[in-house]
Amino acid sequence: MPIITVKLAKGRSLQTKRKLVQALTETAVSLLDVKSEWVTVLIEEYDRENWASNGKLHSEKFGKGFGKKGAK
Protein backbone atom coordinates (compact mmCIF):
# COMPACT_ATOMS: atom_id res chain seq x y z
CA MET A 1 0.00 0.00 0.00
CA PRO A 2 1.89 3.10 -1.23
CA ILE A 3 1.59 6.25 0.85
CA ILE A 4 2.76 9.39 -0.94
CA THR A 5 3.33 12.57 1.06
CA VAL A 6 3.49 15.95 -0.67
CA LYS A 7 4.64 19.00 1.26
CA LEU A 8 4.01 22.42 -0.22
CA ALA A 9 3.22 26.00 0.56
CA LYS A 10 -0.42 26.89 1.09
CA GLY A 11 -2.32 28.56 -1.69
CA ARG A 12 -3.06 25.90 -4.33
CA SER A 13 -6.69 25.58 -5.40
CA LEU A 14 -8.79 22.51 -4.70
CA GLN A 15 -8.87 21.84 -8.46
CA THR A 16 -5.07 21.84 -8.61
CA LYS A 17 -4.84 19.44 -5.66
CA ARG A 18 -7.38 17.12 -7.31
CA LYS A 19 -5.24 17.02 -10.45
CA LEU A 20 -2.11 16.40 -8.39
CA VAL A 21 -3.52 13.47 -6.42
CA GLN A 22 -5.00 11.94 -9.58
CA ALA A 23 -1.67 12.16 -11.42
CA LEU A 24 0.27 10.75 -8.46
CA THR A 25 -2.22 7.91 -8.04
CA GLU A 26 -2.12 7.00 -11.74
CA THR A 27 1.68 7.04 -11.73
CA ALA A 28 1.89 4.84 -8.62
CA VAL A 29 -0.61 2.36 -10.11
CA SER A 30 1.38 2.17 -13.34
CA LEU A 31 4.87 1.95 -11.88
CA LEU A 32 4.18 -0.11 -8.77
CA ASP A 33 1.54 -2.43 -10.25
CA VAL A 34 -0.98 -1.79 -7.46
CA LYS A 35 -4.69 -1.05 -7.38
CA SER A 36 -5.66 2.62 -7.24
CA GLU A 37 -7.63 2.06 -4.03
CA TRP A 38 -4.37 1.01 -2.37
CA VAL A 39 -2.71 4.37 -3.03
CA THR A 40 -2.92 7.06 -0.36
CA VAL A 41 -1.81 10.65 -0.99
CA LEU A 42 -1.27 13.04 1.91
CA ILE A 43 -0.94 16.76 1.25
CA GLU A 44 0.74 18.78 3.98
CA GLU A 45 0.45 22.53 3.50
CA TYR A 46 2.57 25.13 5.23
CA ASP A 47 2.21 28.87 5.66
CA ARG A 48 5.23 30.66 4.26
CA GLU A 49 5.94 32.20 7.66
CA ASN A 50 6.37 28.66 9.02
CA TRP A 51 8.80 27.57 6.30
CA ALA A 52 12.41 28.67 6.01
CA SER A 53 15.51 27.84 4.04
CA ASN A 54 19.02 29.14 4.33
CA GLY A 55 18.10 30.79 7.63
CA LYS A 56 15.31 32.98 6.22
CA LEU A 57 11.54 32.69 6.36
CA HIS A 58 9.99 32.18 2.94
CA SER A 59 7.38 34.86 3.65
CA GLU A 60 10.21 37.41 3.92
CA LYS A 61 12.63 35.91 1.44
CA PHE A 62 10.34 35.30 -1.51
CA GLY A 63 7.09 37.15 -0.95
CA LYS A 64 3.53 36.23 -1.85
CA GLY A 65 2.92 33.79 -4.69
CA PHE A 66 6.48 32.49 -4.99
CA GLY A 67 6.65 29.07 -6.60
CA LYS A 68 3.66 29.61 -8.89
CA LYS A 69 3.86 30.35 -12.60
CA GLY A 70 3.89 34.05 -13.28
CA ALA A 71 4.93 35.02 -9.75
CA LYS A 72 7.86 37.39 -9.26
PDB file of N, CA and C in Angstrom:
ATOM      1  N   MET A   1       0.835  -1.173   0.000  1.00  0.00           N
ATOM      2  CA  MET A   1       0.000   0.000   0.000  1.00  0.00           C
ATOM      3  C   MET A   1       0.886   1.245   0.000  1.00  0.00           C
ATOM      4  N   PRO A   2       1.055   1.888  -1.163  1.00  0.00           N
ATOM      5  CA  PRO A   2       1.888   3.096  -1.229  1.00  0.00           C
ATOM      6  C   PRO A   2       1.226   4.279  -0.517  1.00  0.00           C
ATOM      7  N   ILE A   3       2.034   5.002   0.234  1.00  0.00           N
ATOM      8  CA  ILE A   3       1.592   6.252   0.853  1.00  0.00           C
ATOM      9  C   ILE A   3       2.540   7.340   0.344  1.00  0.00           C
ATOM     10  N   ILE A   4       1.983   8.310  -0.356  1.00  0.00           N
ATOM     11  CA  ILE A   4       2.765   9.390  -0.943  1.00  0.00           C
ATOM     12  C   ILE A   4       2.459  10.661  -0.166  1.00  0.00           C
ATOM     13  N   THR A   5       3.504  11.321   0.328  1.00  0.00           N
ATOM     14  CA  THR A   5       3.334  12.568   1.059  1.00  0.00           C
ATOM     15  C   THR A   5       3.899  13.711   0.236  1.00  0.00           C
ATOM     16  N   VAL A   6       3.084  14.754   0.068  1.00  0.00           N
ATOM     17  CA  VAL A   6       3.489  15.946  -0.671  1.00  0.00           C
ATOM     18  C   VAL A   6       3.458  17.112   0.307  1.00  0.00           C
ATOM     19  N   LYS A   7       4.562  17.832   0.386  1.00  0.00           N
ATOM     20  CA  LYS A   7       4.641  18.999   1.258  1.00  0.00           C
ATOM     21  C   LYS A   7       4.808  20.219   0.374  1.00  0.00           C
ATOM     22  N   LEU A   8       3.906  21.203   0.568  1.00  0.00           N
ATOM     23  CA  LEU A   8       4.008  22.421  -0.224  1.00  0.00           C
ATOM     24  C   LEU A   8       3.414  23.610   0.496  1.00  0.00           C
ATOM     25  N   ALA A   9       3.745  24.775  -0.028  1.00  0.00           N
ATOM     26  CA  ALA A   9       3.219  26.004   0.560  1.00  0.00           C
ATOM     27  C   ALA A   9       1.734  26.106   0.298  1.00  0.00           C
ATOM     28  N   LYS A  10       1.017  26.695   1.245  1.00  0.00           N
ATOM     29  CA  LYS A  10      -0.421  26.895   1.092  1.00  0.00           C
ATOM     30  C   LYS A  10      -0.697  27.806  -0.097  1.00  0.00           C
ATOM     31  N   GLY A  11      -1.901  27.634  -0.650  1.00  0.00           N
ATOM     32  CA  GLY A  11      -2.318  28.560  -1.693  1.00  0.00           C
ATOM     33  C   GLY A  11      -2.790  27.896  -2.978  1.00  0.00           C
ATOM     34  N   ARG A  12      -2.593  26.579  -3.115  1.00  0.00           N
ATOM     35  CA  ARG A  12      -3.065  25.905  -4.334  1.00  0.00           C
ATOM     36  C   ARG A  12      -4.568  25.701  -4.240  1.00  0.00           C
ATOM     37  N   SER A  13      -5.231  25.762  -5.375  1.00  0.00           N
ATOM     38  CA  SER A  13      -6.687  25.580  -5.404  1.00  0.00           C
ATOM     39  C   SER A  13      -7.046  24.108  -5.211  1.00  0.00           C
ATOM     40  N   LEU A  14      -8.290  23.876  -4.849  1.00  0.00           N
ATOM     41  CA  LEU A  14      -8.791  22.515  -4.700  1.00  0.00           C
ATOM     42  C   LEU A  14      -8.689  21.765  -6.032  1.00  0.00           C
ATOM     43  N   GLN A  15      -8.970  22.453  -7.128  1.00  0.00           N
ATOM     44  CA  GLN A  15      -8.873  21.837  -8.459  1.00  0.00           C
ATOM     45  C   GLN A  15      -7.442  21.383  -8.744  1.00  0.00           C
ATOM     46  N   THR A  16      -6.475  22.204  -8.404  1.00  0.00           N
ATOM     47  CA  THR A  16      -5.071  21.840  -8.611  1.00  0.00           C
ATOM     48  C   THR A  16      -4.695  20.627  -7.773  1.00  0.00           C
ATOM     49  N   LYS A  17      -5.149  20.591  -6.524  1.00  0.00           N
ATOM     50  CA  LYS A  17      -4.844  19.444  -5.659  1.00  0.00           C
ATOM     51  C   LYS A  17      -5.515  18.177  -6.167  1.00  0.00           C
ATOM     52  N   ARG A  18      -6.722  18.294  -6.712  1.00  0.00           N
ATOM     53  CA  ARG A  18      -7.383  17.122  -7.309  1.00  0.00           C
ATOM     54  C   ARG A  18      -6.551  16.565  -8.459  1.00  0.00           C
ATOM     55  N   LYS A  19      -6.058  17.450  -9.316  1.00  0.00           N
ATOM     56  CA  LYS A  19      -5.237  17.021 -10.452  1.00  0.00           C
ATOM     57  C   LYS A  19      -3.944  16.361  -9.966  1.00  0.00           C
ATOM     58  N   LEU A  20      -3.344  16.943  -8.941  1.00  0.00           N
ATOM     59  CA  LEU A  20      -2.105  16.396  -8.392  1.00  0.00           C
ATOM     60  C   LEU A  20      -2.303  14.991  -7.855  1.00  0.00           C
ATOM     61  N   VAL A  21      -3.331  14.790  -7.008  1.00  0.00           N
ATOM     62  CA  VAL A  21      -3.525  13.466  -6.420  1.00  0.00           C
ATOM     63  C   VAL A  21      -3.921  12.436  -7.476  1.00  0.00           C
ATOM     64  N   GLN A  22      -4.651  12.859  -8.507  1.00  0.00           N
ATOM     65  CA  GLN A  22      -5.004  11.938  -9.584  1.00  0.00           C
ATOM     66  C   GLN A  22      -3.756  11.504 -10.350  1.00  0.00           C
ATOM     67  N   ALA A  23      -2.904  12.470 -10.683  1.00  0.00           N
ATOM     68  CA  ALA A  23      -1.673  12.157 -11.416  1.00  0.00           C
ATOM     69  C   ALA A  23      -0.740  11.266 -10.598  1.00  0.00           C
ATOM     70  N   LEU A  24      -0.592  11.568  -9.314  1.00  0.00           N
ATOM     71  CA  LEU A  24       0.273  10.748  -8.460  1.00  0.00           C
ATOM     72  C   LEU A  24      -0.278   9.331  -8.314  1.00  0.00           C
ATOM     73  N   THR A  25      -1.586   9.222  -8.165  1.00  0.00           N
ATOM     74  CA  THR A  25      -2.217   7.906  -8.038  1.00  0.00           C
ATOM     75  C   THR A  25      -2.025   7.098  -9.311  1.00  0.00           C
ATOM     76  N   GLU A  26      -2.284   7.709 -10.461  1.00  0.00           N
ATOM     77  CA  GLU A  26      -2.119   7.003 -11.738  1.00  0.00           C
ATOM     78  C   GLU A  26      -0.687   6.552 -11.952  1.00  0.00           C
ATOM     79  N   THR A  27       0.267   7.395 -11.582  1.00  0.00           N
ATOM     80  CA  THR A  27       1.677   7.036 -11.732  1.00  0.00           C
ATOM     81  C   THR A  27       2.051   5.880 -10.809  1.00  0.00           C
ATOM     82  N   ALA A  28       1.598   5.926  -9.562  1.00  0.00           N
ATOM     83  CA  ALA A  28       1.891   4.838  -8.619  1.00  0.00           C
ATOM     84  C   ALA A  28       1.284   3.528  -9.106  1.00  0.00           C
ATOM     85  N   VAL A  29       0.052   3.569  -9.599  1.00  0.00           N
ATOM     86  CA  VAL A  29      -0.608   2.364 -10.110  1.00  0.00           C
ATOM     87  C   VAL A  29       0.205   1.775 -11.259  1.00  0.00           C
ATOM     88  N   SER A  30       0.636   2.631 -12.170  1.00  0.00           N
ATOM     89  CA  SER A  30       1.382   2.171 -13.344  1.00  0.00           C
ATOM     90  C   SER A  30       2.762   1.620 -12.985  1.00  0.00           C
ATOM     91  N   LEU A  31       3.490   2.344 -12.181  1.00  0.00           N
ATOM     92  CA  LEU A  31       4.872   1.953 -11.881  1.00  0.00           C
ATOM     93  C   LEU A  31       4.992   0.850 -10.835  1.00  0.00           C
ATOM     94  N   LEU A  32       4.073   0.840  -9.879  1.00  0.00           N
ATOM     95  CA  LEU A  32       4.178  -0.107  -8.768  1.00  0.00           C
ATOM     96  C   LEU A  32       3.273  -1.319  -8.917  1.00  0.00           C
ATOM     97  N   ASP A  33       2.449  -1.314  -9.978  1.00  0.00           N
ATOM     98  CA  ASP A  33       1.537  -2.433 -10.250  1.00  0.00           C
ATOM     99  C   ASP A  33       0.639  -2.725  -9.045  1.00  0.00           C
ATOM    100  N   VAL A  34      -0.040  -1.670  -8.582  1.00  0.00           N
ATOM    101  CA  VAL A  34      -0.979  -1.791  -7.462  1.00  0.00           C
ATOM    102  C   VAL A  34      -2.341  -1.267  -7.900  1.00  0.00           C
ATOM    103  N   LYS A  35      -3.357  -1.574  -7.118  1.00  0.00           N
ATOM    104  CA  LYS A  35      -4.689  -1.052  -7.379  1.00  0.00           C
ATOM    105  C   LYS A  35      -4.770   0.395  -6.902  1.00  0.00           C
ATOM    106  N   SER A  36      -5.566   1.207  -7.599  1.00  0.00           N
ATOM    107  CA  SER A  36      -5.661   2.620  -7.236  1.00  0.00           C
ATOM    108  C   SER A  36      -6.202   2.812  -5.820  1.00  0.00           C
ATOM    109  N   GLU A  37      -7.082   1.909  -5.378  1.00  0.00           N
ATOM    110  CA  GLU A  37      -7.626   2.058  -4.028  1.00  0.00           C
ATOM    111  C   GLU A  37      -6.583   1.776  -2.941  1.00  0.00           C
ATOM    112  N   TRP A  38      -5.440   1.262  -3.322  1.00  0.00           N
ATOM    113  CA  TRP A  38      -4.366   1.015  -2.365  1.00  0.00           C
ATOM    114  C   TRP A  38      -3.459   2.230  -2.185  1.00  0.00           C
ATOM    115  N   VAL A  39      -3.603   3.205  -3.053  1.00  0.00           N
ATOM    116  CA  VAL A  39      -2.715   4.374  -3.031  1.00  0.00           C
ATOM    117  C   VAL A  39      -3.317   5.474  -2.158  1.00  0.00           C
ATOM    118  N   THR A  40      -2.518   5.959  -1.214  1.00  0.00           N
ATOM    119  CA  THR A  40      -2.921   7.064  -0.356  1.00  0.00           C
ATOM    120  C   THR A  40      -1.996   8.247  -0.633  1.00  0.00           C
ATOM    121  N   VAL A  41      -2.591   9.431  -0.792  1.00  0.00           N
ATOM    122  CA  VAL A  41      -1.808  10.648  -0.991  1.00  0.00           C
ATOM    123  C   VAL A  41      -2.141  11.611   0.147  1.00  0.00           C
ATOM    124  N   LEU A  42      -1.119  12.076   0.827  1.00  0.00           N
ATOM    125  CA  LEU A  42      -1.267  13.040   1.914  1.00  0.00           C
ATOM    126  C   LEU A  42      -0.678  14.366   1.463  1.00  0.00           C
ATOM    127  N   ILE A  43      -1.447  15.429   1.580  1.00  0.00           N
ATOM    128  CA  ILE A  43      -0.942  16.758   1.246  1.00  0.00           C
ATOM    129  C   ILE A  43      -0.782  17.535   2.544  1.00  0.00           C
ATOM    130  N   GLU A  44       0.439  17.964   2.795  1.00  0.00           N
ATOM    131  CA  GLU A  44       0.738  18.775   3.979  1.00  0.00           C
ATOM    132  C   GLU A  44       1.050  20.183   3.483  1.00  0.00           C
ATOM    133  N   GLU A  45       0.267  21.152   3.936  1.00  0.00           N
ATOM    134  CA  GLU A  45       0.451  22.526   3.502  1.00  0.00           C
ATOM    135  C   GLU A  45       1.020  23.375   4.631  1.00  0.00           C
ATOM    136  N   TYR A  46       1.903  24.292   4.250  1.00  0.00           N
ATOM    137  CA  TYR A  46       2.572  25.131   5.225  1.00  0.00           C
ATOM    138  C   TYR A  46       2.416  26.605   4.865  1.00  0.00           C
ATOM    139  N   ASP A  47       2.167  27.423   5.865  1.00  0.00           N
ATOM    140  CA  ASP A  47       2.210  28.867   5.662  1.00  0.00           C
ATOM    141  C   ASP A  47       3.660  29.257   5.419  1.00  0.00           C
ATOM    142  N   ARG A  48       3.857  30.242   4.582  1.00  0.00           N
ATOM    143  CA  ARG A  48       5.228  30.656   4.264  1.00  0.00           C
ATOM    144  C   ARG A  48       5.974  31.207   5.480  1.00  0.00           C
ATOM    145  N   GLU A  49       5.243  31.718   6.474  1.00  0.00           N
ATOM    146  CA  GLU A  49       5.941  32.202   7.664  1.00  0.00           C
ATOM    147  C   GLU A  49       6.369  31.063   8.582  1.00  0.00           C
ATOM    148  N   ASN A  50       5.960  29.839   8.258  1.00  0.00           N
ATOM    149  CA  ASN A  50       6.366  28.658   9.019  1.00  0.00           C
ATOM    150  C   ASN A  50       7.327  27.775   8.226  1.00  0.00           C
ATOM    151  N   TRP A  51       7.909  28.327   7.177  1.00  0.00           N
ATOM    152  CA  TRP A  51       8.802  27.569   6.303  1.00  0.00           C
ATOM    153  C   TRP A  51      10.018  28.440   6.028  1.00  0.00           C
ATOM    154  N   ALA A  52      11.188  27.892   6.218  1.00  0.00           N
ATOM    155  CA  ALA A  52      12.408  28.666   6.007  1.00  0.00           C
ATOM    156  C   ALA A  52      13.450  27.823   5.297  1.00  0.00           C
ATOM    157  N   SER A  53      14.332  28.493   4.607  1.00  0.00           N
ATOM    158  CA  SER A  53      15.512  27.838   4.038  1.00  0.00           C
ATOM    159  C   SER A  53      16.654  28.845   4.062  1.00  0.00           C
ATOM    160  N   ASN A  54      17.821  28.323   4.238  1.00  0.00           N
ATOM    161  CA  ASN A  54      19.023  29.143   4.325  1.00  0.00           C
ATOM    162  C   ASN A  54      18.901  30.223   5.411  1.00  0.00           C
ATOM    163  N   GLY A  55      18.203  29.895   6.495  1.00  0.00           N
ATOM    164  CA  GLY A  55      18.098  30.794   7.629  1.00  0.00           C
ATOM    165  C   GLY A  55      17.116  31.937   7.483  1.00  0.00           C
ATOM    166  N   LYS A  56      16.267  31.897   6.425  1.00  0.00           N
ATOM    167  CA  LYS A  56      15.315  32.984   6.223  1.00  0.00           C
ATOM    168  C   LYS A  56      13.918  32.432   5.972  1.00  0.00           C
ATOM    169  N   LEU A  57      12.917  33.084   6.579  1.00  0.00           N
ATOM    170  CA  LEU A  57      11.536  32.693   6.363  1.00  0.00           C
ATOM    171  C   LEU A  57      11.144  32.951   4.907  1.00  0.00           C
ATOM    172  N   HIS A  58      10.404  32.029   4.335  1.00  0.00           N
ATOM    173  CA  HIS A  58       9.987  32.182   2.942  1.00  0.00           C
ATOM    174  C   HIS A  58       9.065  33.378   2.749  1.00  0.00           C
ATOM    175  N   SER A  59       8.267  33.710   3.757  1.00  0.00           N
ATOM    176  CA  SER A  59       7.377  34.863   3.649  1.00  0.00           C
ATOM    177  C   SER A  59       8.175  36.156   3.463  1.00  0.00           C
ATOM    178  N   GLU A  60       9.357  36.223   4.041  1.00  0.00           N
ATOM    179  CA  GLU A  60      10.210  37.410   3.918  1.00  0.00           C
ATOM    180  C   GLU A  60      11.162  37.298   2.732  1.00  0.00           C
ATOM    181  N   LYS A  61      11.625  36.116   2.482  1.00  0.00           N
ATOM    182  CA  LYS A  61      12.634  35.907   1.442  1.00  0.00           C
ATOM    183  C   LYS A  61      12.052  35.998   0.041  1.00  0.00           C
ATOM    184  N   PHE A  62      10.867  35.411  -0.156  1.00  0.00           N
ATOM    185  CA  PHE A  62      10.336  35.297  -1.508  1.00  0.00           C
ATOM    186  C   PHE A  62       9.095  36.133  -1.774  1.00  0.00           C
ATOM    187  N   GLY A  63       8.310  36.388  -0.755  1.00  0.00           N
ATOM    188  CA  GLY A  63       7.089  37.149  -0.950  1.00  0.00           C
ATOM    189  C   GLY A  63       5.914  36.279  -1.375  1.00  0.00           C
ATOM    190  N   LYS A  64       4.784  36.910  -1.548  1.00  0.00           N
ATOM    191  CA  LYS A  64       3.532  36.227  -1.855  1.00  0.00           C
ATOM    192  C   LYS A  64       3.563  35.634  -3.264  1.00  0.00           C
ATOM    193  N   GLY A  65       3.066  34.411  -3.383  1.00  0.00           N
ATOM    194  CA  GLY A  65       2.924  33.788  -4.691  1.00  0.00           C
ATOM    195  C   GLY A  65       4.154  33.072  -5.208  1.00  0.00           C
ATOM    196  N   PHE A  66       5.262  33.138  -4.500  1.00  0.00           N
ATOM    197  CA  PHE A  66       6.477  32.490  -4.987  1.00  0.00           C
ATOM    198  C   PHE A  66       6.242  31.005  -5.205  1.00  0.00           C
ATOM    199  N   GLY A  67       6.768  30.480  -6.281  1.00  0.00           N
ATOM    200  CA  GLY A  67       6.646  29.066  -6.596  1.00  0.00           C
ATOM    201  C   GLY A  67       5.515  28.775  -7.558  1.00  0.00           C
ATOM    202  N   LYS A  68       4.749  29.779  -7.930  1.00  0.00           N
ATOM    203  CA  LYS A  68       3.656  29.607  -8.890  1.00  0.00           C
ATOM    204  C   LYS A  68       4.064  30.275 -10.200  1.00  0.00           C
ATOM    205  N   LYS A  69       3.583  29.753 -11.303  1.00  0.00           N
ATOM    206  CA  LYS A  69       3.862  30.345 -12.599  1.00  0.00           C
ATOM    207  C   LYS A  69       3.416  31.795 -12.609  1.00  0.00           C
ATOM    208  N   GLY A  70       4.241  32.645 -13.168  1.00  0.00           N
ATOM    209  CA  GLY A  70       3.895  34.052 -13.283  1.00  0.00           C
ATOM    210  C   GLY A  70       4.219  34.889 -12.063  1.00  0.00           C
ATOM    211  N   ALA A  71       4.595  34.254 -10.962  1.00  0.00           N
ATOM    212  CA  ALA A  71       4.934  35.024  -9.751  1.00  0.00           C
ATOM    213  C   ALA A  71       6.335  35.596  -9.865  1.00  0.00           C
ATOM    214  N   LYS A  72       6.532  36.736  -9.226  1.00  0.00           N
ATOM    215  CA  LYS A  72       7.855  37.393  -9.263  1.00  0.00           C
ATOM    216  C   LYS A  72       8.503  37.343  -7.910  1.00  0.00           C
TER     217      LYS A  72
END
